[in-house]
Each structure stands twice: as C-alpha cells, then as structure tokens.
Amino acid sequence: MSVHASLQSTELVDFILGLVEKKATLFDLLGVPSGADSTIVKQAFVKLARLLHPDLPVFDTPEAKERATSAFQALTRAQLVLVDSVRRQEYMEGIGALQALSTSDDPNPDLARIHLHRGKQCAVKRDWPGAQANFERAIVLFGDRVDDMCRVELGWAIFQNKNVDEIERSEKSHELFQEVIAERGDPAAVAQAHYYMAVWCKLNDEVPVVKKHLERCLSINDKHVEARRELRLFERRRSSAAHKRVSGSIRKAQTKRLSRVTQKMSAPDIAAPEQTPGARPAVKKVPLKKKVSLLERLFGKN
C-alpha cells in the first residue's frame, strides 16, 4: 500500500471515530445523503471497508488495529440498519427524517417498503384506514417500480375500510385485484389476488366463480392456508345443499305415494245404504236348511 493510501486510511479512521463521538447520523458515518437508498448505502460501505478493514497492513500496531476495528464496526452497524427496512424505519423515525422525506413524491423504493411494512402492520390490527393510507403512499414512492403485492393489499384494505362508500370500495378493490391477475406478475401477489377475489365474489353473491378463484390461487401457491380452508368450506356447503335437495325430493315423493295408498284404503268399494235416524240396522235374512236324518242319509230321500 502506498504512503498516500496509508495516510488516507489512518486519517479516515480518526474522522469516523470523531463522527461517532459527535453522535452523527448513520448517513453521515457512511458519507451518503440523508435518506439514500439501500443500494447507495451498500456501495459506500464497500468503498470504506476497503480502506478501513482492520486486517489491512497499514494498521500494523495493536493500537492502530483497535481503532480501525472500532471504526469498521461503527460503519458495519450503520450499513446493517440502513439496508434493513424495519430497522431503518425505526431509526429514521427517531431522528425525524421519515417525516421530512414523506412530504416528497419522488420515487424512493426504500421508503416505499417502509410504508408497505407499516400498512401490513395496520392490517394485522384491522386499522383499515391506516393500512389504506400507507399502501397508497407506498405506491406513490415506488414510482414506476410498483409492487404487485402492495396493490393487492391496497385493494383488500379499501374493501375492508368502512369509511369508504360501499359501492366505491367494492369497485376499487375489484379493479385492483383484476389488474394484478391480468398482468400475471409476481406469482405470490397473483395468488393472493385470486384469494381476495374469491372472498369478494362470495360476499357479492357471485358464488359460481368462487371455486374458480380458489383453485387458481392454490394452483399457484398450494400452501395458501386461507384458500385451502375456504375451498373446503365451499365444497362442504355445496355438498350439504345438494343433500338437502335430494332428501327433500325423496320426502316429497314418499309423501305423494303414501297419500295415494291412504286414499285407496279409505275409499269404499260399495256405497253403504243410507240409514234412517233411530231405525234399527237392516238384517239380511238367511234361509234355514233342514237337517238331514240318519235314515235319509242311509236310504236316500224319496
């Protein structure tokens, strides 16, 4: 390593450690603009690591190696925080950078992913207005690189948001689901869109296509738990309804047959004669036969 490079490295160590003492921002430690995306952060870290790694020959004393190690660890922590969307969000909220950046509509994929994450958190808490607001903000910040799953989750948040007019939320959510399905982009997002469409159709009395969307969801993602459970319930309901229809038809046929048999049994073959009130019932006279004697049986009747 040249003398010039050695001076750069040792001076850079002192500069980084000075920033740490002053509690500078993580962006300042890495020498990148505030709010820089993860790609810029990674590139800056790689360049600095080549100059500050404690195993470099320039750090040839225990003290120099220790200081280089401290500076390198500070840069590593900064890089790990700023490339992780959740940790980055927490850090930026702490320094007040998130509020400043969120006023700009310029594409910022990292910030978009933060809003996407926050939208999902709101959805878990069933805070649908909050979820809708974060998903809409994420779509703006994604710019041309719109995230398919973000659109799907936005559609679901709108569909669940009771603060939106019922007709409007039904139409908007349906439109977003159909767009993602038609574009056939991210498979996970398409599968989720089919599942949400199945629920949408069920709640809007479009039952014939419910099974179709559930089956297409599972054909893309056979481990989709909600879709698999919904399909089982759908098949069970159809089976139960068919059984009731068959049982009803059988009972109806049996009732008709029983009615016909009862009518036949109760109908008299010959009409009974009319009876005069208070009169004794007519008695049919039967002619008496003369008893034959023993002699007549032996000798015959003359």
Protein backbone atom coordinates (compact mmCIF):
# COMPACT_ATOMS: atom_id res chain seq x y z
CA MET A 1 0.00 0.00 0.00
CA SER A 2 1.37 3.43 -0.92
CA VAL A 3 2.18 6.07 1.67
CA HIS A 4 -0.69 8.20 0.34
CA ALA A 5 -3.13 5.37 0.74
CA SER A 6 -1.80 4.73 4.23
CA LEU A 7 -2.39 8.33 5.22
CA GLN A 8 -5.93 8.19 3.82
CA SER A 9 -6.74 5.09 5.80
CA THR A 10 -5.37 6.29 9.13
CA GLU A 11 -6.89 9.74 8.74
CA LEU A 12 -10.22 8.20 7.77
CA VAL A 13 -10.23 6.11 10.95
CA ASP A 14 -9.79 9.23 13.05
CA PHE A 15 -12.54 11.01 11.10
CA ILE A 16 -15.05 8.16 11.53
CA LEU A 17 -14.34 7.83 15.25
CA GLY A 18 -14.80 11.60 15.59
CA LEU A 19 -18.25 11.34 13.97
CA VAL A 20 -19.16 8.53 16.37
CA GLU A 21 -18.25 10.73 19.34
CA LYS A 22 -20.37 13.57 17.94
CA LYS A 23 -23.30 11.14 17.54
CA ALA A 24 -23.54 11.89 13.84
CA THR A 25 -26.26 10.22 11.77
CA LEU A 26 -25.65 6.84 10.18
CA PHE A 27 -25.85 8.51 6.79
CA ASP A 28 -23.04 10.88 7.79
CA LEU A 29 -20.92 7.96 9.01
CA LEU A 30 -21.18 6.36 5.59
CA GLY A 31 -20.79 9.67 3.78
CA VAL A 32 -24.10 9.42 1.89
CA PRO A 33 -27.02 11.87 1.61
CA SER A 34 -29.74 11.63 4.24
CA GLY A 35 -32.39 9.21 3.01
CA ALA A 36 -30.09 7.47 0.50
CA ASP A 37 -31.48 4.13 -0.65
CA SER A 38 -30.00 0.76 0.26
CA THR A 39 -28.03 0.46 -3.00
CA ILE A 40 -26.12 3.69 -2.35
CA VAL A 41 -25.58 2.68 1.28
CA LYS A 42 -24.08 -0.68 0.28
CA GLN A 43 -21.79 0.89 -2.32
CA ALA A 44 -20.50 3.45 0.19
CA PHE A 45 -19.87 0.76 2.79
CA VAL A 46 -17.87 -1.40 0.36
CA LYS A 47 -15.61 1.53 -0.59
CA LEU A 48 -14.97 2.46 3.03
CA ALA A 49 -14.39 -1.16 4.07
CA ARG A 50 -11.54 -1.41 1.57
CA LEU A 51 -9.81 1.45 3.38
CA LEU A 52 -10.75 0.71 6.98
CA HIS A 53 -10.65 -3.06 7.37
CA PRO A 54 -8.54 -3.80 10.47
CA ASP A 55 -6.64 -6.61 8.69
CA LEU A 56 -5.04 -4.17 6.26
CA PRO A 57 -1.23 -3.98 6.57
CA VAL A 58 -1.34 -0.25 7.29
CA PHE A 59 -2.78 -0.93 10.74
CA ASP A 60 0.44 -2.53 11.92
CA THR A 61 0.26 -1.74 15.64
CA PRO A 62 -2.19 -3.05 18.26
CA GLU A 63 -3.48 0.48 18.90
CA ALA A 64 -4.00 1.22 15.18
CA LYS A 65 -5.72 -2.14 14.67
CA GLU A 66 -8.01 -1.50 17.65
CA ARG A 67 -9.03 1.94 16.37
CA ALA A 68 -9.59 0.59 12.86
CA THR A 69 -11.74 -2.19 14.33
CA SER A 70 -13.88 0.35 16.20
CA ALA A 71 -14.36 2.46 13.07
CA PHE A 72 -15.13 -0.59 10.93
CA GLN A 73 -17.70 -1.87 13.45
CA ALA A 74 -19.42 1.53 13.50
CA LEU A 75 -19.71 1.51 9.71
CA THR A 76 -20.96 -2.09 9.73
CA ARG A 77 -23.71 -1.26 12.22
CA ALA A 78 -24.73 1.77 10.16
CA GLN A 79 -24.93 -0.29 6.99
CA LEU A 80 -26.94 -3.09 8.62
CA VAL A 81 -29.51 -0.65 9.98
CA LEU A 82 -29.95 1.32 6.78
CA VAL A 83 -30.39 -1.69 4.48
CA ASP A 84 -32.99 -3.34 6.74
CA SER A 85 -36.39 -1.74 6.08
CA VAL A 86 -37.78 -2.27 9.59
CA ARG A 87 -34.67 -1.14 11.48
CA ARG A 88 -34.23 1.74 9.06
CA GLN A 89 -37.80 2.88 9.70
CA GLU A 90 -37.30 2.84 13.46
CA TYR A 91 -34.04 4.75 13.15
CA MET A 92 -35.40 7.37 10.76
CA GLU A 93 -38.45 7.95 12.93
CA GLY A 94 -36.07 8.50 15.82
CA ILE A 95 -34.13 11.23 14.04
CA GLY A 96 -37.21 12.77 12.45
CA ALA A 97 -36.10 12.00 8.91
CA LEU A 98 -39.15 9.99 7.96
CA GLN A 99 -41.50 12.94 8.33
CA ALA A 100 -39.26 15.17 6.24
CA LEU A 101 -38.89 12.62 3.47
CA SER A 102 -42.53 11.59 3.36
CA THR A 103 -43.54 15.04 2.05
CA SER A 104 -41.75 14.35 -1.23
CA ASP A 105 -43.36 12.34 -4.02
CA ASP A 106 -40.03 11.50 -5.64
CA PRO A 107 -39.53 7.73 -6.09
CA ASN A 108 -37.91 6.21 -3.02
CA PRO A 109 -38.17 2.40 -3.00
CA ASP A 110 -36.68 2.06 0.47
CA LEU A 111 -39.18 4.47 1.98
CA ALA A 112 -41.93 2.79 -0.05
CA ARG A 113 -41.07 -0.55 1.54
CA ILE A 114 -41.26 1.09 4.96
CA HIS A 115 -44.81 2.29 4.23
CA LEU A 116 -45.66 -1.15 2.84
CA HIS A 117 -44.48 -2.73 6.09
CA ARG A 118 -46.44 -0.23 8.16
CA GLY A 119 -49.54 -0.87 6.06
CA LYS A 120 -49.29 -4.60 6.77
CA GLN A 121 -48.94 -3.87 10.49
CA CYS A 122 -52.09 -1.74 10.36
CA ALA A 123 -53.92 -4.54 8.54
CA VAL A 124 -53.00 -7.02 11.27
CA LYS A 125 -54.50 -4.61 13.80
CA ARG A 126 -57.55 -4.20 11.49
CA ASP A 127 -56.79 -0.49 11.21
CA TRP A 128 -58.02 -0.38 7.62
CA PRO A 129 -57.91 3.42 7.14
CA GLY A 130 -54.29 3.40 8.33
CA ALA A 131 -53.46 0.43 6.13
CA GLN A 132 -55.02 2.09 3.08
CA ALA A 133 -53.11 5.34 3.67
CA ASN A 134 -49.75 3.55 3.99
CA PHE A 135 -50.30 1.33 0.95
CA GLU A 136 -51.33 4.33 -1.16
CA ARG A 137 -48.22 6.22 -0.03
CA ALA A 138 -46.04 3.22 -0.81
CA ILE A 139 -47.40 3.02 -4.37
CA VAL A 140 -46.53 6.69 -4.94
CA LEU A 141 -42.99 6.20 -3.62
CA PHE A 142 -42.41 3.03 -5.63
CA GLY A 143 -42.83 5.14 -8.77
CA ASP A 144 -42.56 3.05 -11.94
CA ARG A 145 -41.47 0.02 -9.92
CA VAL A 146 -44.91 -0.59 -8.45
CA ASP A 147 -45.01 -3.56 -6.10
CA ASP A 148 -47.76 -6.04 -7.09
CA MET A 149 -48.35 -7.20 -3.53
CA CYS A 150 -48.73 -3.59 -2.43
CA ARG A 151 -51.55 -3.12 -4.96
CA VAL A 152 -53.25 -6.32 -3.83
CA GLU A 153 -53.06 -5.35 -0.16
CA LEU A 154 -54.31 -1.86 -1.01
CA GLY A 155 -57.34 -3.41 -2.70
CA TRP A 156 -58.08 -5.50 0.38
CA ALA A 157 -57.65 -2.52 2.73
CA ILE A 158 -60.07 -0.47 0.62
CA PHE A 159 -62.57 -3.35 0.55
CA GLN A 160 -62.45 -3.58 4.36
CA ASN A 161 -62.42 0.18 5.04
CA LYS A 162 -65.91 1.08 6.27
CA ASN A 163 -65.05 4.79 5.99
CA VAL A 164 -65.22 4.50 2.20
CA ASP A 165 -68.56 4.43 0.37
CA GLU A 166 -69.70 0.83 -0.07
CA ILE A 167 -70.05 0.99 -3.85
CA GLU A 168 -66.74 2.81 -4.25
CA ARG A 169 -64.75 0.40 -2.12
CA SER A 170 -66.31 -2.58 -3.88
CA GLU A 171 -65.46 -1.22 -7.34
CA LYS A 172 -61.93 -0.01 -6.47
CA SER A 173 -60.92 -3.23 -4.74
CA HIS A 174 -62.29 -5.34 -7.61
CA GLU A 175 -60.35 -3.24 -10.12
CA LEU A 176 -57.04 -3.64 -8.25
CA PHE A 177 -57.46 -7.41 -7.88
CA GLN A 178 -58.30 -7.82 -11.56
CA GLU A 179 -55.33 -5.71 -12.66
CA VAL A 180 -52.83 -7.86 -10.78
CA ILE A 181 -54.46 -11.09 -12.01
CA ALA A 182 -54.48 -9.89 -15.63
CA GLU A 183 -50.84 -8.74 -15.57
CA ARG A 184 -49.60 -12.09 -14.17
CA GLY A 185 -46.60 -10.54 -12.45
CA ASP A 186 -45.40 -11.61 -9.01
CA PRO A 187 -46.84 -15.15 -8.50
CA ALA A 188 -47.37 -14.61 -4.77
CA ALA A 189 -49.31 -11.42 -5.45
CA VAL A 190 -51.39 -13.07 -8.19
CA ALA A 191 -52.27 -15.97 -5.88
CA GLN A 192 -53.29 -13.54 -3.14
CA ALA A 193 -55.37 -11.55 -5.62
CA HIS A 194 -57.26 -14.71 -6.61
CA TYR A 195 -57.97 -15.47 -2.94
CA TYR A 196 -59.24 -11.94 -2.27
CA MET A 197 -61.36 -12.14 -5.44
CA ALA A 198 -62.93 -15.38 -4.17
CA VAL A 199 -63.90 -13.65 -0.93
CA TRP A 200 -65.12 -10.61 -2.86
CA CYS A 201 -67.31 -12.79 -5.11
CA LYS A 202 -68.74 -14.71 -2.17
CA LEU A 203 -69.74 -11.52 -0.36
CA ASN A 204 -71.21 -10.09 -3.58
CA ASP A 205 -73.32 -13.20 -4.31
CA GLU A 206 -71.21 -14.25 -7.31
CA VAL A 207 -70.97 -17.80 -5.99
CA PRO A 208 -70.33 -19.67 -9.30
CA VAL A 209 -66.83 -18.14 -9.69
CA VAL A 210 -65.74 -18.52 -6.06
CA LYS A 211 -64.38 -22.03 -6.58
CA LYS A 212 -62.56 -20.98 -9.77
CA HIS A 213 -60.57 -18.26 -7.97
CA LEU A 214 -59.76 -20.52 -5.01
CA GLU A 215 -58.49 -23.28 -7.30
CA ARG A 216 -56.36 -20.84 -9.30
CA CYS A 217 -54.90 -19.45 -6.09
CA LEU A 218 -53.92 -22.96 -4.97
CA SER A 219 -52.56 -23.85 -8.41
CA ILE A 220 -50.04 -21.02 -7.95
CA ASN A 221 -49.45 -21.44 -4.22
CA ASP A 222 -50.59 -24.84 -2.97
CA LYS A 223 -49.62 -23.86 0.59
CA HIS A 224 -52.06 -20.94 0.79
CA VAL A 225 -53.76 -21.84 4.09
CA GLU A 226 -56.72 -19.45 3.84
CA ALA A 227 -57.59 -20.51 0.29
CA ARG A 228 -57.40 -24.20 1.17
CA ARG A 229 -59.67 -23.71 4.18
CA GLU A 230 -62.14 -21.60 2.18
CA LEU A 231 -62.29 -24.24 -0.56
CA ARG A 232 -63.08 -26.97 1.98
CA LEU A 233 -65.89 -24.86 3.42
CA PHE A 234 -67.20 -24.13 -0.08
CA GLU A 235 -67.28 -27.84 -1.01
CA ARG A 236 -68.92 -28.71 2.31
CA ARG A 237 -71.65 -26.13 1.78
CA ARG A 238 -72.30 -27.36 -1.77
CA SER A 239 -72.45 -30.98 -0.60
CA SER A 240 -74.84 -30.09 2.21
CA ALA A 241 -77.09 -28.11 -0.14
CA ALA A 242 -77.18 -30.96 -2.67
CA HIS A 243 -78.01 -33.47 0.08
CA LYS A 244 -80.88 -31.29 1.26
CA ARG A 245 -82.27 -31.03 -2.27
CA VAL A 246 -82.14 -34.81 -2.77
CA SER A 247 -83.63 -35.52 0.66
CA GLY A 248 -86.41 -33.04 0.00
CA SER A 249 -87.26 -34.66 -3.31
CA ILE A 250 -87.32 -38.12 -1.74
CA ARG A 251 -89.55 -36.98 1.11
CA LYS A 252 -91.90 -35.29 -1.34
CA ALA A 253 -92.17 -38.43 -3.47
CA GLN A 254 -92.75 -40.61 -0.41
CA THR A 255 -95.48 -38.27 0.81
CA LYS A 256 -97.25 -38.46 -2.55
CA ARG A 257 -97.11 -42.27 -2.61
CA LEU A 258 -98.37 -42.51 0.97
CA SER A 259 -101.23 -40.16 0.15
CA ARG A 260 -102.31 -42.27 -2.83
CA VAL A 261 -102.19 -45.50 -0.79
CA THR A 262 -104.20 -43.94 2.04
CA GLN A 263 -106.84 -42.74 -0.39
CA LYS A 264 -107.21 -46.22 -1.87
CA MET A 265 -107.53 -47.87 1.54
CA SER A 266 -110.15 -45.41 2.80
CA ALA A 267 -112.39 -45.42 -0.32
CA PRO A 268 -115.34 -47.97 0.00
CA ASP A 269 -115.81 -50.39 -2.85
CA ILE A 270 -119.69 -50.30 -2.49
CA ALA A 271 -121.58 -47.37 -1.12
CA ALA A 272 -123.28 -48.14 2.21
CA PRO A 273 -127.10 -47.79 2.27
CA GLU A 274 -128.47 -44.74 3.91
CA GLN A 275 -129.79 -45.25 7.44
CA THR A 276 -132.91 -43.61 8.84
CA PRO A 277 -132.14 -41.86 12.11
CA GLY A 278 -133.27 -44.03 15.06
CA ALA A 279 -134.02 -47.05 12.86
CA ARG A 280 -132.56 -50.44 13.57
CA PRO A 281 -130.00 -51.59 11.05
CA ALA A 282 -131.37 -53.87 8.36
CA VAL A 283 -130.72 -57.55 8.92
CA LYS A 284 -130.22 -59.81 5.93
CA LYS A 285 -132.42 -62.93 6.08
CA VAL A 286 -130.63 -66.22 5.51
CA PRO A 287 -132.81 -69.30 4.60
CA LEU A 288 -132.53 -72.21 7.06
CA LYS A 289 -131.56 -75.61 5.78
CA LYS A 290 -133.49 -78.71 7.03
CA LYS A 291 -131.35 -81.13 8.96
CA VAL A 292 -130.99 -84.49 7.18
CA SER A 293 -131.80 -87.55 9.36
CA LEU A 294 -129.71 -90.69 9.60
CA LEU A 295 -132.30 -92.83 7.74
CA GLU A 296 -132.46 -90.30 4.95
CA ARG A 297 -128.72 -90.37 4.64
CA LEU A 298 -128.73 -94.21 4.57
CA PHE A 299 -131.65 -94.84 2.21
CA GLY A 300 -131.81 -91.61 0.41
CA LYS A 301 -134.65 -89.17 0.23
CA ASN A 302 -137.80 -90.25 -1.52
